[in-house]
Amino acid sequence: MTTKTDDSASSATDDFESALQTLVLESFAAGETVAGTWTVTSSSSVVPSWRVTIEKTDEATLSRDSTVFLDE
């Protein structure tokens, strides 16, 4: 059985994953270095610190005859 709270948590997770994917792909398209490790901290003692690591998992390659247009 799914409760309203479960639906809210699922939606928040989906929103987070979507926002993260958009950030990574748009940053890559803009020529930014995406791979790296960052520490996210808050001035509040009740909010935990987070370490975020992004690593490239494959080597995307284009054939010599490919033309790619990125949306802006």
Protein backbone atom coordinates (compact mmCIF):
# COMPACT_ATOMS: atom_id res chain seq x y z
CA MET A 1 0.00 0.00 0.00
CA THR A 2 1.31 3.42 -0.94
CA THR A 3 0.60 6.30 1.39
CA LYS A 4 0.58 9.97 0.60
CA THR A 5 3.88 10.34 2.45
CA ASP A 6 5.44 7.62 0.28
CA ASP A 7 4.18 9.40 -2.84
CA SER A 8 5.68 12.70 -1.65
CA ALA A 9 9.05 11.09 -0.93
CA SER A 10 9.04 9.36 -4.32
CA SER A 11 8.16 12.61 -6.06
CA ALA A 12 10.90 14.49 -4.20
CA THR A 13 13.43 11.81 -5.19
CA ASP A 14 12.29 11.94 -8.82
CA ASP A 15 12.55 15.74 -8.78
CA PHE A 16 16.04 15.57 -7.27
CA GLU A 17 17.24 13.04 -9.84
CA SER A 18 15.78 15.08 -12.68
CA ALA A 19 17.37 18.32 -11.43
CA LEU A 20 20.74 16.59 -10.98
CA GLN A 21 20.60 15.07 -14.46
CA THR A 22 19.74 18.46 -15.97
CA LEU A 23 22.59 20.14 -14.08
CA VAL A 24 25.16 17.56 -15.18
CA LEU A 25 24.10 17.46 -18.83
CA GLU A 26 23.75 21.23 -19.21
CA SER A 27 27.10 21.81 -17.51
CA PHE A 28 28.77 19.27 -19.79
CA ALA A 29 27.16 20.87 -22.86
CA ALA A 30 28.48 24.26 -21.72
CA GLY A 31 32.01 22.87 -21.58
CA GLU A 32 32.27 22.73 -17.80
CA THR A 33 34.32 20.07 -16.04
CA VAL A 34 31.64 17.86 -14.54
CA ALA A 35 33.68 15.10 -12.90
CA GLY A 36 34.88 15.92 -9.41
CA THR A 37 34.13 15.86 -5.71
CA TRP A 38 32.44 18.63 -3.76
CA THR A 39 31.57 19.10 -0.10
CA VAL A 40 28.23 20.75 0.61
CA THR A 41 27.92 22.29 4.07
CA SER A 42 25.33 24.32 5.90
CA SER A 43 25.65 26.93 8.61
CA SER A 44 23.05 24.98 10.61
CA SER A 45 24.30 22.34 13.03
CA VAL A 46 21.17 20.23 12.45
CA VAL A 47 21.80 19.85 8.70
CA PRO A 48 24.42 17.25 7.75
CA SER A 49 27.34 17.94 5.45
CA TRP A 50 27.41 16.01 2.19
CA ARG A 51 30.17 14.85 -0.12
CA VAL A 52 29.09 14.68 -3.76
CA THR A 53 31.21 12.78 -6.27
CA ILE A 54 30.50 12.76 -9.99
CA GLU A 55 32.50 10.48 -12.24
CA LYS A 56 32.28 9.73 -15.92
CA THR A 57 31.36 6.09 -16.44
CA ASP A 58 32.04 5.75 -20.16
CA GLU A 59 33.90 7.38 -23.00
CA ALA A 60 31.26 8.74 -25.35
CA THR A 61 32.69 8.99 -28.85
CA LEU A 62 31.35 10.38 -32.08
CA SER A 63 32.10 8.88 -35.43
CA ARG A 64 34.10 11.11 -37.74
CA ASP A 65 31.04 11.61 -39.94
CA SER A 66 28.72 12.63 -37.09
CA THR A 67 27.40 16.11 -36.70
CA VAL A 68 25.84 16.97 -33.37
CA PHE A 69 23.83 20.04 -32.56
CA LEU A 70 23.26 20.85 -28.91
CA ASP A 71 20.14 22.77 -27.92
CA GLU A 72 20.80 26.03 -26.14
